[in-house]
Amino acid sequence: MKLVFVSDIHGSAYYARMLPEIDAREKPERIVLLGDLLYHGPRNDLPRDYNPKEVTAILNGMKQRFLCVRGNCDAEVDQMVLEFPIEADSLALFLGGRMAFVTHGHLFNTANPPKLCPGDLLIHGHTHVQAMDPFGQDNLYLNPGSVSLPKEGNENSYMTYEDGLFTIKAMDGRPIRSTRI
């Protein structure tokens, strides 16, 4: 199984326009959206080509491709315009024989982890900082960074999962770093 993880679009039509290209290049079974889709939030600068209406149209055009969790900048009104569910705070995936707790990161994170078993994965966005870090009892924290507003010197990025390998990639598909589970 191949998945693509995308986080923190924050209303950037420029980066949302890259999603169909990423989908065509990577050919995943699904794209997992880690929240903060349409609104930039009061702590962030406006992202490049800020246009939530255009982002809505792009995402709705790909609606059957997505699994999604709600971010701290996602609101009820966003669900009213998006044609796929975005209201869940988390979802569970089973990848390479391990449970992956997938969330945005504002409620659950390494400082406030969900109840995990040894070996479980925690995947979230929210920080806009790429991560592939061990924590807890043989747990692994993975963060694809942000497609539109990366922080701490990170590149705009997304993450893939295939056959036990997580890879954070630049928007052109160039690998940045990877880890195997």
N, C-alpha and C. Protein backbone atom coordinates (compact mmCIF):
# COMPACT_ATOMS: atom_id res chain seq x y z
N MET A 1 0.84 -1.17 0.00
CA MET A 1 0.00 0.00 0.00
C MET A 1 0.89 1.24 0.00
N LYS A 2 0.46 2.23 -0.77
CA LYS A 2 1.18 3.50 -0.79
C LYS A 2 0.22 4.62 -0.38
N LEU A 3 0.69 5.49 0.52
CA LEU A 3 -0.06 6.65 0.98
C LEU A 3 0.80 7.89 0.82
N VAL A 4 0.14 9.02 0.64
CA VAL A 4 0.79 10.33 0.68
C VAL A 4 0.18 11.09 1.85
N PHE A 5 1.02 11.75 2.66
CA PHE A 5 0.57 12.57 3.78
C PHE A 5 0.88 14.03 3.46
N VAL A 6 -0.15 14.88 3.57
CA VAL A 6 -0.03 16.30 3.28
C VAL A 6 -0.59 17.07 4.47
N SER A 7 0.10 18.11 4.89
CA SER A 7 -0.37 18.88 6.03
C SER A 7 -0.25 20.38 5.78
N ASP A 8 -1.15 21.11 6.42
CA ASP A 8 -1.05 22.56 6.54
C ASP A 8 -0.98 23.29 5.20
N ILE A 9 -2.03 23.12 4.39
CA ILE A 9 -2.16 23.86 3.14
C ILE A 9 -2.47 25.32 3.43
N HIS A 10 -3.26 25.58 4.45
CA HIS A 10 -3.59 26.93 4.92
C HIS A 10 -4.08 27.87 3.82
N GLY A 11 -4.91 27.36 2.92
CA GLY A 11 -5.53 28.21 1.92
C GLY A 11 -4.65 28.61 0.75
N SER A 12 -3.48 28.00 0.60
CA SER A 12 -2.57 28.35 -0.49
C SER A 12 -2.99 27.64 -1.78
N ALA A 13 -3.55 28.41 -2.72
CA ALA A 13 -3.93 27.83 -4.01
C ALA A 13 -2.68 27.38 -4.77
N TYR A 14 -1.58 28.10 -4.60
CA TYR A 14 -0.33 27.74 -5.29
C TYR A 14 0.06 26.30 -4.95
N TYR A 15 0.08 25.97 -3.68
CA TYR A 15 0.49 24.62 -3.28
C TYR A 15 -0.62 23.60 -3.45
N ALA A 16 -1.88 24.00 -3.31
CA ALA A 16 -2.99 23.07 -3.55
C ALA A 16 -3.00 22.62 -5.01
N ARG A 17 -2.62 23.51 -5.93
CA ARG A 17 -2.56 23.13 -7.35
C ARG A 17 -1.54 22.02 -7.60
N MET A 18 -0.61 21.82 -6.69
CA MET A 18 0.39 20.75 -6.84
C MET A 18 -0.15 19.39 -6.42
N LEU A 19 -1.25 19.35 -5.70
CA LEU A 19 -1.78 18.06 -5.21
C LEU A 19 -2.12 17.10 -6.35
N PRO A 20 -2.81 17.54 -7.41
CA PRO A 20 -3.05 16.58 -8.51
C PRO A 20 -1.75 16.08 -9.14
N GLU A 21 -0.72 16.93 -9.21
CA GLU A 21 0.57 16.51 -9.75
C GLU A 21 1.22 15.47 -8.83
N ILE A 22 1.17 15.71 -7.51
CA ILE A 22 1.72 14.76 -6.56
C ILE A 22 0.97 13.43 -6.66
N ASP A 23 -0.35 13.50 -6.76
CA ASP A 23 -1.17 12.30 -6.88
C ASP A 23 -0.79 11.51 -8.13
N ALA A 24 -0.62 12.20 -9.26
CA ALA A 24 -0.25 11.52 -10.51
C ALA A 24 1.15 10.94 -10.45
N ARG A 25 2.09 11.67 -9.83
CA ARG A 25 3.48 11.21 -9.75
C ARG A 25 3.64 10.04 -8.79
N GLU A 26 3.03 10.15 -7.61
CA GLU A 26 3.21 9.14 -6.56
C GLU A 26 2.30 7.93 -6.72
N LYS A 27 1.12 8.13 -7.30
CA LYS A 27 0.12 7.07 -7.49
C LYS A 27 -0.22 6.34 -6.18
N PRO A 28 -0.57 7.11 -5.12
CA PRO A 28 -0.93 6.45 -3.86
C PRO A 28 -2.35 5.90 -3.91
N GLU A 29 -2.63 4.99 -2.98
CA GLU A 29 -4.02 4.54 -2.84
C GLU A 29 -4.88 5.66 -2.29
N ARG A 30 -4.33 6.43 -1.34
CA ARG A 30 -5.03 7.56 -0.75
C ARG A 30 -4.04 8.66 -0.37
N ILE A 31 -4.56 9.87 -0.28
CA ILE A 31 -3.82 11.00 0.27
C ILE A 31 -4.43 11.30 1.63
N VAL A 32 -3.60 11.33 2.65
CA VAL A 32 -4.06 11.62 4.01
C VAL A 32 -3.78 13.09 4.29
N LEU A 33 -4.85 13.86 4.47
CA LEU A 33 -4.72 15.28 4.78
C LEU A 33 -4.71 15.44 6.29
N LEU A 34 -3.68 16.10 6.80
CA LEU A 34 -3.49 16.23 8.25
C LEU A 34 -4.00 17.55 8.81
N GLY A 35 -4.96 18.17 8.12
CA GLY A 35 -5.64 19.33 8.65
C GLY A 35 -5.04 20.67 8.26
N ASP A 36 -5.75 21.73 8.69
CA ASP A 36 -5.45 23.12 8.36
C ASP A 36 -5.45 23.32 6.85
N LEU A 37 -6.63 23.14 6.28
CA LEU A 37 -6.77 23.13 4.83
C LEU A 37 -7.01 24.51 4.22
N LEU A 38 -7.97 25.27 4.74
CA LEU A 38 -8.42 26.48 4.05
C LEU A 38 -7.99 27.79 4.68
N TYR A 39 -7.85 27.85 5.98
CA TYR A 39 -7.61 29.11 6.67
C TYR A 39 -6.16 29.20 7.10
N HIS A 40 -5.57 30.40 7.02
CA HIS A 40 -4.15 30.55 7.35
C HIS A 40 -3.90 30.66 8.85
N GLY A 41 -4.89 31.03 9.64
CA GLY A 41 -4.72 31.14 11.09
C GLY A 41 -4.07 32.44 11.49
N PRO A 42 -4.36 32.92 12.69
CA PRO A 42 -3.87 34.23 13.12
C PRO A 42 -2.37 34.27 13.41
N ARG A 43 -1.72 33.12 13.60
CA ARG A 43 -0.28 33.12 13.91
C ARG A 43 0.59 33.01 12.67
N ASN A 44 -0.04 32.74 11.52
CA ASN A 44 0.72 32.53 10.29
C ASN A 44 0.58 33.73 9.35
N ASP A 45 1.62 33.98 8.58
CA ASP A 45 1.52 34.94 7.49
C ASP A 45 0.62 34.34 6.42
N LEU A 46 0.11 35.19 5.54
CA LEU A 46 -0.66 34.67 4.42
C LEU A 46 0.25 33.83 3.53
N PRO A 47 -0.18 32.62 3.18
CA PRO A 47 0.65 31.79 2.30
C PRO A 47 0.57 32.30 0.86
N ARG A 48 1.45 31.78 0.04
CA ARG A 48 1.50 32.16 -1.38
C ARG A 48 0.15 31.87 -2.04
N ASP A 49 -0.36 32.83 -2.81
CA ASP A 49 -1.64 32.72 -3.52
C ASP A 49 -2.77 32.28 -2.59
N TYR A 50 -2.92 32.98 -1.49
CA TYR A 50 -3.98 32.66 -0.53
C TYR A 50 -5.35 32.83 -1.20
N ASN A 51 -6.06 31.71 -1.34
CA ASN A 51 -7.35 31.73 -2.02
C ASN A 51 -8.15 30.50 -1.57
N PRO A 52 -8.78 30.56 -0.39
CA PRO A 52 -9.52 29.41 0.12
C PRO A 52 -10.60 28.88 -0.82
N LYS A 53 -11.23 29.76 -1.60
CA LYS A 53 -12.26 29.28 -2.54
C LYS A 53 -11.65 28.40 -3.62
N GLU A 54 -10.49 28.80 -4.14
CA GLU A 54 -9.83 27.96 -5.15
C GLU A 54 -9.34 26.66 -4.53
N VAL A 55 -8.80 26.72 -3.32
CA VAL A 55 -8.37 25.49 -2.63
C VAL A 55 -9.56 24.56 -2.44
N THR A 56 -10.71 25.11 -2.05
CA THR A 56 -11.92 24.30 -1.89
C THR A 56 -12.25 23.58 -3.19
N ALA A 57 -12.22 24.29 -4.31
CA ALA A 57 -12.53 23.67 -5.60
C ALA A 57 -11.53 22.57 -5.95
N ILE A 58 -10.26 22.81 -5.71
CA ILE A 58 -9.23 21.80 -6.00
C ILE A 58 -9.46 20.56 -5.14
N LEU A 59 -9.65 20.75 -3.84
CA LEU A 59 -9.85 19.61 -2.95
C LEU A 59 -11.13 18.86 -3.28
N ASN A 60 -12.22 19.58 -3.55
CA ASN A 60 -13.47 18.91 -3.90
C ASN A 60 -13.33 18.11 -5.19
N GLY A 61 -12.50 18.58 -6.10
CA GLY A 61 -12.26 17.85 -7.35
C GLY A 61 -11.50 16.54 -7.14
N MET A 62 -10.88 16.40 -5.97
CA MET A 62 -10.11 15.19 -5.65
C MET A 62 -10.72 14.44 -4.46
N LYS A 63 -11.93 14.76 -4.08
CA LYS A 63 -12.52 14.32 -2.82
C LYS A 63 -12.45 12.81 -2.58
N GLN A 64 -12.54 12.01 -3.62
CA GLN A 64 -12.50 10.56 -3.43
C GLN A 64 -11.10 10.04 -3.11
N ARG A 65 -10.09 10.89 -3.20
CA ARG A 65 -8.71 10.50 -2.95
C ARG A 65 -8.30 10.63 -1.48
N PHE A 66 -9.12 11.34 -0.66
CA PHE A 66 -8.67 11.77 0.65
C PHE A 66 -9.19 10.96 1.83
N LEU A 67 -8.32 10.83 2.83
CA LEU A 67 -8.68 10.59 4.22
C LEU A 67 -8.24 11.87 4.92
N CYS A 68 -8.97 12.33 5.93
CA CYS A 68 -8.65 13.64 6.49
C CYS A 68 -8.93 13.70 7.98
N VAL A 69 -8.10 14.44 8.70
CA VAL A 69 -8.36 14.78 10.09
C VAL A 69 -8.46 16.31 10.19
N ARG A 70 -9.16 16.76 11.21
CA ARG A 70 -9.40 18.19 11.43
C ARG A 70 -8.20 18.84 12.10
N GLY A 71 -7.84 20.01 11.61
CA GLY A 71 -6.79 20.80 12.23
C GLY A 71 -7.36 21.90 13.10
N ASN A 72 -6.50 22.58 13.83
CA ASN A 72 -6.95 23.65 14.71
C ASN A 72 -7.47 24.86 13.95
N CYS A 73 -7.12 25.02 12.68
CA CYS A 73 -7.63 26.13 11.87
C CYS A 73 -8.83 25.71 11.02
N ASP A 74 -9.28 24.47 11.13
CA ASP A 74 -10.45 24.00 10.38
C ASP A 74 -11.70 24.22 11.23
N ALA A 75 -12.77 24.69 10.60
CA ALA A 75 -13.99 25.04 11.32
C ALA A 75 -15.21 24.35 10.70
N GLU A 76 -16.33 24.45 11.39
CA GLU A 76 -17.57 23.86 10.88
C GLU A 76 -17.91 24.40 9.49
N VAL A 77 -17.67 25.68 9.27
CA VAL A 77 -17.98 26.27 7.98
C VAL A 77 -17.15 25.64 6.87
N ASP A 78 -15.94 25.19 7.18
CA ASP A 78 -15.11 24.50 6.19
C ASP A 78 -15.78 23.20 5.76
N GLN A 79 -16.35 22.48 6.70
CA GLN A 79 -17.05 21.24 6.36
C GLN A 79 -18.26 21.52 5.49
N MET A 80 -18.84 22.69 5.62
CA MET A 80 -20.01 23.05 4.81
C MET A 80 -19.65 23.21 3.33
N VAL A 81 -18.40 23.57 3.02
CA VAL A 81 -18.00 23.76 1.63
C VAL A 81 -17.18 22.60 1.08
N LEU A 82 -16.58 21.80 1.95
CA LEU A 82 -15.79 20.66 1.49
C LEU A 82 -16.68 19.42 1.38
N GLU A 83 -16.50 18.66 0.33
CA GLU A 83 -17.38 17.53 0.02
C GLU A 83 -16.82 16.19 0.48
N PHE A 84 -15.95 16.21 1.48
CA PHE A 84 -15.42 15.00 2.09
C PHE A 84 -15.29 15.29 3.58
N PRO A 85 -15.33 14.27 4.43
CA PRO A 85 -15.33 14.51 5.88
C PRO A 85 -13.99 15.03 6.39
N ILE A 86 -14.06 16.10 7.21
CA ILE A 86 -12.86 16.68 7.82
C ILE A 86 -13.02 16.85 9.33
N GLU A 87 -14.08 16.31 9.93
CA GLU A 87 -14.40 16.62 11.31
C GLU A 87 -13.77 15.72 12.36
N ALA A 88 -13.17 14.61 11.97
CA ALA A 88 -12.58 13.70 12.95
C ALA A 88 -11.24 14.25 13.45
N ASP A 89 -11.01 14.14 14.74
CA ASP A 89 -9.75 14.60 15.33
C ASP A 89 -8.60 13.63 15.09
N SER A 90 -8.93 12.37 14.77
CA SER A 90 -7.88 11.38 14.56
C SER A 90 -8.43 10.23 13.73
N LEU A 91 -7.52 9.42 13.24
CA LEU A 91 -7.87 8.16 12.60
C LEU A 91 -6.74 7.18 12.86
N ALA A 92 -7.05 5.92 12.75
CA ALA A 92 -6.05 4.87 12.96
C ALA A 92 -5.80 4.16 11.64
N LEU A 93 -4.53 3.95 11.33
CA LEU A 93 -4.12 3.18 10.17
C LEU A 93 -3.23 2.05 10.66
N PHE A 94 -3.20 0.95 9.94
CA PHE A 94 -2.29 -0.13 10.26
C PHE A 94 -1.30 -0.24 9.11
N LEU A 95 -0.05 0.08 9.42
CA LEU A 95 1.01 0.18 8.41
C LEU A 95 2.18 -0.70 8.81
N GLY A 96 2.54 -1.61 7.97
CA GLY A 96 3.68 -2.46 8.24
C GLY A 96 3.55 -3.22 9.56
N GLY A 97 2.34 -3.62 9.91
CA GLY A 97 2.10 -4.35 11.15
C GLY A 97 2.08 -3.49 12.39
N ARG A 98 2.10 -2.17 12.21
CA ARG A 98 2.09 -1.25 13.35
C ARG A 98 0.87 -0.34 13.26
N MET A 99 0.35 0.04 14.43
CA MET A 99 -0.76 0.97 14.47
C MET A 99 -0.21 2.39 14.36
N ALA A 100 -0.81 3.18 13.47
CA ALA A 100 -0.45 4.58 13.31
C ALA A 100 -1.62 5.44 13.76
N PHE A 101 -1.39 6.24 14.80
CA PHE A 101 -2.37 7.21 15.28
C PHE A 101 -2.13 8.49 14.48
N VAL A 102 -3.11 8.87 13.67
CA VAL A 102 -2.98 10.01 12.76
C VAL A 102 -3.87 11.14 13.26
N THR A 103 -3.30 12.32 13.42
CA THR A 103 -4.02 13.46 13.95
C THR A 103 -3.36 14.74 13.42
N HIS A 104 -3.93 15.89 13.76
CA HIS A 104 -3.32 17.15 13.30
C HIS A 104 -2.10 17.51 14.15
N GLY A 105 -2.19 17.33 15.45
CA GLY A 105 -1.06 17.61 16.32
C GLY A 105 -1.32 18.66 17.37
N HIS A 106 -2.45 19.35 17.31
CA HIS A 106 -2.75 20.38 18.31
C HIS A 106 -3.35 19.78 19.58
N LEU A 107 -3.96 18.62 19.48
CA LEU A 107 -4.52 17.94 20.66
C LEU A 107 -3.58 16.86 21.17
N PHE A 108 -3.06 16.06 20.27
CA PHE A 108 -2.14 14.98 20.62
C PHE A 108 -0.83 15.19 19.88
N ASN A 109 0.27 15.01 20.62
CA ASN A 109 1.61 15.20 20.06
C ASN A 109 2.58 14.48 21.00
N THR A 110 3.87 14.63 20.80
CA THR A 110 4.82 13.92 21.66
C THR A 110 4.80 14.45 23.10
N ALA A 111 4.44 15.70 23.31
CA ALA A 111 4.34 16.26 24.66
C ALA A 111 3.04 15.83 25.34
N ASN A 112 2.02 15.54 24.55
CA ASN A 112 0.73 15.07 25.05
C ASN A 112 0.26 13.92 24.16
N PRO A 113 0.93 12.76 24.28
CA PRO A 113 0.63 11.66 23.35
C PRO A 113 -0.70 10.98 23.67
N PRO A 114 -1.32 10.40 22.64
CA PRO A 114 -2.47 9.55 22.89
C PRO A 114 -1.99 8.27 23.57
N LYS A 115 -2.91 7.45 24.01
CA LYS A 115 -2.53 6.16 24.59
C LYS A 115 -2.01 5.27 23.46
N LEU A 116 -0.73 5.03 23.48
CA LEU A 116 -0.07 4.22 22.46
C LEU A 116 0.52 2.97 23.10
N CYS A 117 0.61 1.92 22.32
CA CYS A 117 1.32 0.71 22.74
C CYS A 117 2.75 0.81 22.23
N PRO A 118 3.67 0.07 22.85
CA PRO A 118 5.04 0.06 22.33
C PRO A 118 5.05 -0.29 20.84
N GLY A 119 5.79 0.48 20.08
CA GLY A 119 5.90 0.25 18.65
C GLY A 119 4.92 1.03 17.80
N ASP A 120 3.91 1.65 18.41
CA ASP A 120 2.94 2.43 17.65
C ASP A 120 3.57 3.69 17.08
N LEU A 121 2.95 4.21 16.03
CA LEU A 121 3.41 5.41 15.35
C LEU A 121 2.47 6.58 15.68
N LEU A 122 3.01 7.78 15.75
CA LEU A 122 2.24 9.00 15.88
C LEU A 122 2.57 9.86 14.67
N ILE A 123 1.55 10.13 13.85
CA ILE A 123 1.74 10.93 12.65
C ILE A 123 0.89 12.18 12.78
N HIS A 124 1.55 13.33 12.71
CA HIS A 124 0.78 14.58 12.71
C HIS A 124 1.54 15.69 12.02
N GLY A 125 0.80 16.77 11.71
CA GLY A 125 1.35 17.99 11.14
C GLY A 125 1.44 19.04 12.22
N HIS A 126 0.78 20.17 12.01
CA HIS A 126 0.60 21.26 12.97
C HIS A 126 1.85 22.11 13.21
N THR A 127 2.99 21.52 13.41
CA THR A 127 4.19 22.29 13.75
C THR A 127 4.86 22.90 12.52
N HIS A 128 4.54 22.37 11.33
CA HIS A 128 5.15 22.80 10.07
C HIS A 128 6.63 22.44 10.01
N VAL A 129 7.04 21.49 10.85
CA VAL A 129 8.44 21.07 10.94
C VAL A 129 8.52 19.57 10.68
N GLN A 130 9.33 19.18 9.73
CA GLN A 130 9.52 17.77 9.40
C GLN A 130 10.10 17.00 10.59
N ALA A 131 9.62 15.76 10.78
CA ALA A 131 10.16 14.94 11.87
C ALA A 131 10.06 13.47 11.55
N MET A 132 11.04 12.73 12.02
CA MET A 132 11.08 11.27 12.01
C MET A 132 11.84 10.88 13.26
N ASP A 133 11.19 11.03 14.42
CA ASP A 133 11.88 10.95 15.69
C ASP A 133 11.33 9.84 16.58
N PRO A 134 12.21 9.02 17.16
CA PRO A 134 11.75 8.05 18.15
C PRO A 134 11.34 8.78 19.43
N PHE A 135 10.37 8.21 20.13
CA PHE A 135 9.95 8.74 21.44
C PHE A 135 9.22 7.62 22.17
N GLY A 136 8.97 7.84 23.46
CA GLY A 136 8.20 6.88 24.25
C GLY A 136 8.82 5.50 24.29
N GLN A 137 7.95 4.49 24.24
CA GLN A 137 8.37 3.09 24.30
C GLN A 137 8.45 2.52 22.89
N ASP A 138 9.55 2.75 22.22
CA ASP A 138 9.75 2.25 20.86
C ASP A 138 8.71 2.82 19.91
N ASN A 139 8.25 4.06 20.18
CA ASN A 139 7.31 4.72 19.28
C ASN A 139 8.08 5.60 18.30
N LEU A 140 7.42 5.98 17.23
CA LEU A 140 8.02 6.82 16.21
C LEU A 140 7.06 7.95 15.89
N TYR A 141 7.57 9.18 15.92
CA TYR A 141 6.81 10.38 15.57
C TYR A 141 7.21 10.81 14.17
N LEU A 142 6.21 10.97 13.30
CA LEU A 142 6.44 11.36 11.91
C LEU A 142 5.63 12.61 11.59
N ASN A 143 6.27 13.58 10.94
CA ASN A 143 5.61 14.81 10.56
C ASN A 143 6.11 15.19 9.17
N PRO A 144 5.19 15.34 8.19
CA PRO A 144 5.62 15.68 6.83
C PRO A 144 6.05 17.12 6.65
N GLY A 145 5.91 17.95 7.68
CA GLY A 145 6.15 19.38 7.52
C GLY A 145 4.92 20.02 6.90
N SER A 146 5.09 21.16 6.28
CA SER A 146 3.96 21.89 5.68
C SER A 146 4.19 22.07 4.20
N VAL A 147 3.12 21.88 3.41
CA VAL A 147 3.24 22.13 1.98
C VAL A 147 3.35 23.63 1.70
N SER A 148 2.75 24.50 2.54
CA SER A 148 2.70 25.92 2.20
C SER A 148 3.48 26.85 3.12
N LEU A 149 3.62 26.51 4.39
CA LEU A 149 4.26 27.42 5.35
C LEU A 149 5.26 26.68 6.23
N PRO A 150 6.34 26.14 5.65
CA PRO A 150 7.31 25.41 6.48
C PRO A 150 8.00 26.34 7.47
N LYS A 151 8.42 25.76 8.58
CA LYS A 151 9.11 26.53 9.62
C LYS A 151 10.47 25.90 9.92
N GLU A 152 11.27 26.64 10.67
CA GLU A 152 12.60 26.20 11.12
C GLU A 152 13.51 25.79 9.97
N GLY A 153 13.43 26.51 8.87
CA GLY A 153 14.32 26.26 7.75
C GLY A 153 13.96 25.05 6.90
N ASN A 154 12.82 24.41 7.16
CA ASN A 154 12.40 23.27 6.36
C ASN A 154 11.94 23.72 4.98
N GLU A 155 12.00 22.80 4.02
CA GLU A 155 11.45 23.02 2.69
C GLU A 155 9.95 22.73 2.72
N ASN A 156 9.21 23.28 1.76
CA ASN A 156 7.83 22.87 1.55
C ASN A 156 7.87 21.38 1.23
N SER A 157 6.99 20.61 1.89
CA SER A 157 7.16 19.16 1.79
C SER A 157 5.88 18.39 2.05
N TYR A 158 5.94 17.11 1.69
CA TYR A 158 4.91 16.11 1.98
C TYR A 158 5.64 14.81 2.31
N MET A 159 4.88 13.76 2.65
CA MET A 159 5.51 12.50 3.03
C MET A 159 4.79 11.35 2.34
N THR A 160 5.57 10.33 1.96
CA THR A 160 4.99 9.11 1.41
C THR A 160 5.25 7.94 2.37
N TYR A 161 4.38 6.93 2.26
CA TYR A 161 4.59 5.67 2.93
C TYR A 161 4.39 4.57 1.90
N GLU A 162 5.36 3.65 1.81
CA GLU A 162 5.21 2.50 0.93
C GLU A 162 6.09 1.37 1.42
N ASP A 163 5.48 0.21 1.64
CA ASP A 163 6.21 -1.00 2.02
C ASP A 163 7.16 -0.78 3.19
N GLY A 164 6.66 -0.11 4.24
CA GLY A 164 7.45 0.09 5.45
C GLY A 164 8.40 1.27 5.42
N LEU A 165 8.43 2.01 4.33
CA LEU A 165 9.35 3.14 4.20
C LEU A 165 8.58 4.46 4.16
N PHE A 166 8.88 5.34 5.13
CA PHE A 166 8.37 6.70 5.13
C PHE A 166 9.44 7.59 4.52
N THR A 167 9.03 8.47 3.59
CA THR A 167 9.96 9.40 2.97
C THR A 167 9.35 10.79 2.94
N ILE A 168 10.05 11.75 3.51
CA ILE A 168 9.65 13.15 3.39
C ILE A 168 10.25 13.66 2.09
N LYS A 169 9.41 14.32 1.28
CA LYS A 169 9.84 14.77 -0.04
C LYS A 169 9.56 16.25 -0.23
N ALA A 170 10.43 16.89 -1.02
CA ALA A 170 10.18 18.26 -1.47
C ALA A 170 9.01 18.21 -2.45
N MET A 171 8.42 19.35 -2.73
CA MET A 171 7.23 19.38 -3.56
C MET A 171 7.48 18.86 -4.98
N ASP A 172 8.72 18.83 -5.44
CA ASP A 172 9.03 18.28 -6.76
C ASP A 172 9.26 16.77 -6.71
N GLY A 173 9.09 16.16 -5.54
CA GLY A 173 9.26 14.72 -5.40
C GLY A 173 10.65 14.27 -4.97
N ARG A 174 11.57 15.21 -4.83
CA ARG A 174 12.93 14.88 -4.41
C ARG A 174 12.94 14.44 -2.95
N PRO A 175 13.50 13.25 -2.65
CA PRO A 175 13.56 12.80 -1.26
C PRO A 175 14.42 13.71 -0.39
N ILE A 176 13.93 13.99 0.81
CA ILE A 176 14.67 14.79 1.79
C ILE A 176 15.26 13.89 2.85
N ARG A 177 14.42 13.01 3.40
CA ARG A 177 14.89 12.03 4.40
C ARG A 177 13.88 10.91 4.47
N SER A 178 14.33 9.77 4.99
CA SER A 178 13.43 8.61 5.09
C SER A 178 13.80 7.76 6.29
N THR A 179 12.83 6.94 6.66
CA THR A 179 13.04 5.97 7.74
C THR A 179 12.18 4.75 7.45
N ARG A 180 12.68 3.61 7.84
CA ARG A 180 11.96 2.35 7.64
C ARG A 180 11.41 1.87 8.98
N ILE A 181 10.18 1.36 8.96
CA ILE A 181 9.60 0.80 10.17
C ILE A 181 9.67 -0.71 10.13
